[in-house]
């Protein structure tokens, strides 16, 4: 029997809503520059992850407070996301943070695992996550006490 390229487990993997992160920067507070950079970011995220618009549940855009010439969500509408829930907001003002930055959190319905999701950082925003793989993994024995504490607190509420 010839294999089809996927295991029975992969064929049965249920859809899950995954968070896909991305960020980019612009050189100035200009509507067209914000929209161009946002379209580039969304297009790249969608290509990297092979996303279909109808699988995107919602997108949350944030900008640093120095960007207010337009809503970055307009770029998503320009890309045909007419039925996708979109929202914009500002990032916290943290001293020393990257200026002129547009961030995005896409809620995506997919069969991919968390590890298979591709996050995209463009332009100066590459400095936000220079090497995701260098973050140490959290071992199950480190998580179990936290989960137990949350469950205990939940029963008290």
C-alpha atoms as a PDB file:
ATOM      1  CA  UNK A   1       0.000   0.000   0.000  1.00  0.00           C
ATOM      2  CA  UNK A   2       1.406   3.387  -0.981  1.00  0.00           C
ATOM      3  CA  UNK A   3       1.453   6.138   1.632  1.00  0.00           C
ATOM      4  CA  UNK A   4      -0.476   9.311   0.911  1.00  0.00           C
ATOM      5  CA  UNK A   5       2.005  11.528   2.734  1.00  0.00           C
ATOM      6  CA  UNK A   6       0.036  12.064   5.924  1.00  0.00           C
ATOM      7  CA  UNK A   7      -0.535   9.850   8.922  1.00  0.00           C
ATOM      8  CA  UNK A   8      -3.998   8.958  10.259  1.00  0.00           C
ATOM      9  CA  UNK A   9      -3.306  11.258  13.230  1.00  0.00           C
ATOM     10  CA  UNK A  10      -2.668  14.196  10.892  1.00  0.00           C
ATOM     11  CA  UNK A  11      -5.852  13.462   8.969  1.00  0.00           C
ATOM     12  CA  UNK A  12      -7.880  13.496  12.205  1.00  0.00           C
ATOM     13  CA  UNK A  13      -6.254  16.551  13.781  1.00  0.00           C
ATOM     14  CA  UNK A  14      -9.059  18.940  14.719  1.00  0.00           C
ATOM     15  CA  UNK A  15      -9.146  22.601  13.867  1.00  0.00           C
ATOM     16  CA  UNK A  16      -7.819  24.856  16.601  1.00  0.00           C
ATOM     17  CA  UNK A  17      -7.644  28.615  16.849  1.00  0.00           C
ATOM     18  CA  UNK A  18      -3.971  29.606  16.772  1.00  0.00           C
ATOM     19  CA  UNK A  19      -2.447  33.005  17.439  1.00  0.00           C
ATOM     20  CA  UNK A  20      -0.104  34.222  14.729  1.00  0.00           C
ATOM     21  CA  UNK A  21       2.085  37.202  15.584  1.00  0.00           C
ATOM     22  CA  UNK A  22       3.799  39.688  13.355  1.00  0.00           C
ATOM     23  CA  UNK A  23       5.205  43.190  13.345  1.00  0.00           C
ATOM     24  CA  UNK A  24       6.732  45.752  11.042  1.00  0.00           C
ATOM     25  CA  UNK A  25       7.817  49.378  11.129  1.00  0.00           C
ATOM     26  CA  UNK A  26       7.439  52.513   9.047  1.00  0.00           C
ATOM     27  CA  UNK A  27       9.691  55.547   8.715  1.00  0.00           C
ATOM     28  CA  UNK A  28       7.005  58.154   9.443  1.00  0.00           C
ATOM     29  CA  UNK A  29       3.372  58.661  10.473  1.00  0.00           C
ATOM     30  CA  UNK A  30       1.915  58.592   6.964  1.00  0.00           C
ATOM     31  CA  UNK A  31      -1.333  56.863   5.934  1.00  0.00           C
ATOM     32  CA  UNK A  32      -0.012  55.298   2.750  1.00  0.00           C
ATOM     33  CA  UNK A  33       3.197  54.128   4.413  1.00  0.00           C
ATOM     34  CA  UNK A  34       1.223  52.513   7.252  1.00  0.00           C
ATOM     35  CA  UNK A  35      -1.120  50.778   4.800  1.00  0.00           C
ATOM     36  CA  UNK A  36       1.706  49.598   2.530  1.00  0.00           C
ATOM     37  CA  UNK A  37       3.696  48.158   5.450  1.00  0.00           C
ATOM     38  CA  UNK A  38       0.599  46.491   6.910  1.00  0.00           C
ATOM     39  CA  UNK A  39      -0.391  44.932   3.573  1.00  0.00           C
ATOM     40  CA  UNK A  40       3.173  43.614   3.187  1.00  0.00           C
ATOM     41  CA  UNK A  41       3.072  42.139   6.700  1.00  0.00           C
ATOM     42  CA  UNK A  42      -0.334  40.485   6.254  1.00  0.00           C
ATOM     43  CA  UNK A  43       0.560  39.134   2.816  1.00  0.00           C
ATOM     44  CA  UNK A  44       3.823  37.666   4.142  1.00  0.00           C
ATOM     45  CA  UNK A  45       2.137  36.042   7.158  1.00  0.00           C
ATOM     46  CA  UNK A  46      -0.529  34.537   4.908  1.00  0.00           C
ATOM     47  CA  UNK A  47       2.052  33.176   2.439  1.00  0.00           C
ATOM     48  CA  UNK A  48       4.309  31.737   5.149  1.00  0.00           C
ATOM     49  CA  UNK A  49       1.367  29.943   6.778  1.00  0.00           C
ATOM     50  CA  UNK A  50      -0.615  29.153   3.605  1.00  0.00           C
ATOM     51  CA  UNK A  51      -3.644  30.905   5.136  1.00  0.00           C
ATOM     52  CA  UNK A  52      -6.997  31.334   3.493  1.00  0.00           C
ATOM     53  CA  UNK A  53      -8.968  34.478   4.375  1.00  0.00           C
ATOM     54  CA  UNK A  54     -12.038  32.446   5.365  1.00  0.00           C
ATOM     55  CA  UNK A  55      -9.989  30.637   8.057  1.00  0.00           C
ATOM     56  CA  UNK A  56      -9.051  33.889   9.825  1.00  0.00           C
ATOM     57  CA  UNK A  57     -11.384  34.458  12.786  1.00  0.00           C
ATOM     58  CA  UNK A  58     -10.143  37.925  13.703  1.00  0.00           C
ATOM     59  CA  UNK A  59      -7.153  40.237  13.633  1.00  0.00           C
ATOM     60  CA  UNK A  60      -6.055  42.643  16.353  1.00  0.00           C
ATOM     61  CA  UNK A  61      -3.737  45.419  15.204  1.00  0.00           C
ATOM     62  CA  UNK A  62      -1.761  47.687  17.490  1.00  0.00           C
ATOM     63  CA  UNK A  63       0.491  50.611  16.754  1.00  0.00           C
ATOM     64  CA  UNK A  64       2.850  52.604  18.863  1.00  0.00           C
ATOM     65  CA  UNK A  65       1.280  55.920  19.915  1.00  0.00           C
ATOM     66  CA  UNK A  66       3.364  57.801  17.331  1.00  0.00           C
ATOM     67  CA  UNK A  67       1.243  56.218  14.556  1.00  0.00           C
ATOM     68  CA  UNK A  68      -2.257  57.630  14.146  1.00  0.00           C
ATOM     69  CA  UNK A  69      -2.541  58.694  10.480  1.00  0.00           C
ATOM     70  CA  UNK A  70      -4.840  55.750   9.661  1.00  0.00           C
ATOM     71  CA  UNK A  71      -6.129  52.452  10.977  1.00  0.00           C
ATOM     72  CA  UNK A  72      -3.881  49.541   9.938  1.00  0.00           C
ATOM     73  CA  UNK A  73      -7.040  47.411   9.655  1.00  0.00           C
ATOM     74  CA  UNK A  74      -7.871  49.315   6.460  1.00  0.00           C
ATOM     75  CA  UNK A  75      -5.024  47.345   4.823  1.00  0.00           C
ATOM     76  CA  UNK A  76      -6.808  44.081   5.658  1.00  0.00           C
ATOM     77  CA  UNK A  77      -9.975  45.359   4.002  1.00  0.00           C
ATOM     78  CA  UNK A  78      -7.874  46.329   0.968  1.00  0.00           C
ATOM     79  CA  UNK A  79      -6.695  42.703   0.814  1.00  0.00           C
ATOM     80  CA  UNK A  80     -10.292  41.464   0.685  1.00  0.00           C
ATOM     81  CA  UNK A  81     -10.944  40.692   4.352  1.00  0.00           C
ATOM     82  CA  UNK A  82     -14.472  42.093   4.336  1.00  0.00           C
ATOM     83  CA  UNK A  83     -16.045  39.567   6.730  1.00  0.00           C
ATOM     84  CA  UNK A  84     -13.104  39.194   9.138  1.00  0.00           C
ATOM     85  CA  UNK A  85     -13.458  40.822  12.567  1.00  0.00           C
ATOM     86  CA  UNK A  86     -10.809  43.545  12.853  1.00  0.00           C
ATOM     87  CA  UNK A  87      -9.815  45.831  15.716  1.00  0.00           C
ATOM     88  CA  UNK A  88      -7.089  48.425  16.274  1.00  0.00           C
ATOM     89  CA  UNK A  89      -5.483  49.805  19.420  1.00  0.00           C
ATOM     90  CA  UNK A  90      -2.294  51.365  20.753  1.00  0.00           C
ATOM     91  CA  UNK A  91       0.586  49.555  22.438  1.00  0.00           C
ATOM     92  CA  UNK A  92       1.643  50.411  25.973  1.00  0.00           C
ATOM     93  CA  UNK A  93       4.127  53.275  26.158  1.00  0.00           C
ATOM     94  CA  UNK A  94       7.184  51.463  27.479  1.00  0.00           C
ATOM     95  CA  UNK A  95      10.402  53.512  27.693  1.00  0.00           C
ATOM     96  CA  UNK A  96      12.919  52.391  25.081  1.00  0.00           C
ATOM     97  CA  UNK A  97      10.419  50.410  23.012  1.00  0.00           C
ATOM     98  CA  UNK A  98      10.594  50.287  19.232  1.00  0.00           C
ATOM     99  CA  UNK A  99       8.967  53.407  17.699  1.00  0.00           C
ATOM    100  CA  UNK A 100       6.784  53.609  14.578  1.00  0.00           C
ATOM    101  CA  UNK A 101       5.789  49.960  14.965  1.00  0.00           C
ATOM    102  CA  UNK A 102       2.701  48.090  13.759  1.00  0.00           C
ATOM    103  CA  UNK A 103       1.934  44.776  15.455  1.00  0.00           C
ATOM    104  CA  UNK A 104      -0.648  42.169  14.566  1.00  0.00           C
ATOM    105  CA  UNK A 105      -2.222  39.176  16.295  1.00  0.00           C
ATOM    106  CA  UNK A 106      -4.170  36.957  13.913  1.00  0.00           C
ATOM    107  CA  UNK A 107      -6.606  34.389  15.327  1.00  0.00           C
ATOM    108  CA  UNK A 108      -6.442  31.615  12.736  1.00  0.00           C
ATOM    109  CA  UNK A 109      -8.490  28.404  12.532  1.00  0.00           C
ATOM    110  CA  UNK A 110      -6.092  25.702  11.393  1.00  0.00           C
ATOM    111  CA  UNK A 111      -5.062  22.088  11.817  1.00  0.00           C
ATOM    112  CA  UNK A 112      -1.436  23.140  12.319  1.00  0.00           C
ATOM    113  CA  UNK A 113       0.221  22.745  15.690  1.00  0.00           C
ATOM    114  CA  UNK A 114       1.639  25.720  17.584  1.00  0.00           C
ATOM    115  CA  UNK A 115       5.143  24.728  16.477  1.00  0.00           C
ATOM    116  CA  UNK A 116       4.066  24.739  12.821  1.00  0.00           C
ATOM    117  CA  UNK A 117       2.794  28.332  12.926  1.00  0.00           C
ATOM    118  CA  UNK A 118       5.094  30.912  11.329  1.00  0.00           C
ATOM    119  CA  UNK A 119       5.387  34.316  13.005  1.00  0.00           C
ATOM    120  CA  UNK A 120       6.715  37.169  10.860  1.00  0.00           C
ATOM    121  CA  UNK A 121       8.776  40.206  11.865  1.00  0.00           C
ATOM    122  CA  UNK A 122       9.784  42.643   9.125  1.00  0.00           C
ATOM    123  CA  UNK A 123      11.989  45.729   8.832  1.00  0.00           C
ATOM    124  CA  UNK A 124      13.119  47.123  12.205  1.00  0.00           C
ATOM    125  CA  UNK A 125      10.612  44.881  14.006  1.00  0.00           C
ATOM    126  CA  UNK A 126      13.004  41.963  13.482  1.00  0.00           C
ATOM    127  CA  UNK A 127      14.662  43.217  16.673  1.00  0.00           C
ATOM    128  CA  UNK A 128      11.535  42.351  18.685  1.00  0.00           C
ATOM    129  CA  UNK A 129      12.071  38.594  18.329  1.00  0.00           C
ATOM    130  CA  UNK A 130      15.598  38.052  16.974  1.00  0.00           C
ATOM    131  CA  UNK A 131      15.666  34.351  17.735  1.00  0.00           C
ATOM    132  CA  UNK A 132      12.553  32.615  19.026  1.00  0.00           C
ATOM    133  CA  UNK A 133      14.397  29.304  19.202  1.00  0.00           C
ATOM    134  CA  UNK A 134      16.793  30.644  21.821  1.00  0.00           C
ATOM    135  CA  UNK A 135      13.987  30.813  24.383  1.00  0.00           C
ATOM    136  CA  UNK A 136      14.283  27.880  26.786  1.00  0.00           C
ATOM    137  CA  UNK A 137      11.385  25.414  26.639  1.00  0.00           C
ATOM    138  CA  UNK A 138       9.206  25.077  29.723  1.00  0.00           C
ATOM    139  CA  UNK A 139       9.239  21.553  31.080  1.00  0.00           C
ATOM    140  CA  UNK A 140       5.924  19.903  32.109  1.00  0.00           C
ATOM    141  CA  UNK A 141       7.056  19.651  35.728  1.00  0.00           C
ATOM    142  CA  UNK A 142       7.445  23.448  35.776  1.00  0.00           C
ATOM    143  CA  UNK A 143       3.914  23.988  34.464  1.00  0.00           C
ATOM    144  CA  UNK A 144       2.029  21.468  36.640  1.00  0.00           C
ATOM    145  CA  UNK A 145       2.210  23.502  39.898  1.00  0.00           C
ATOM    146  CA  UNK A 146       0.953  26.603  38.075  1.00  0.00           C
ATOM    147  CA  UNK A 147      -1.971  24.702  36.530  1.00  0.00           C
ATOM    148  CA  UNK A 148      -2.854  23.227  39.939  1.00  0.00           C
ATOM    149  CA  UNK A 149      -2.790  26.688  41.557  1.00  0.00           C
ATOM    150  CA  UNK A 150      -5.038  28.162  38.864  1.00  0.00           C
ATOM    151  CA  UNK A 151      -7.524  25.285  39.238  1.00  0.00           C
ATOM    152  CA  UNK A 152      -7.592  25.765  43.015  1.00  0.00           C
ATOM    153  CA  UNK A 153      -8.196  29.514  42.674  1.00  0.00           C
ATOM    154  CA  UNK A 154     -10.932  28.895  40.107  1.00  0.00           C
ATOM    155  CA  UNK A 155     -12.854  26.740  42.601  1.00  0.00           C
ATOM    156  CA  UNK A 156     -12.755  29.592  45.146  1.00  0.00           C
ATOM    157  CA  UNK A 157     -14.342  32.130  42.786  1.00  0.00           C
END
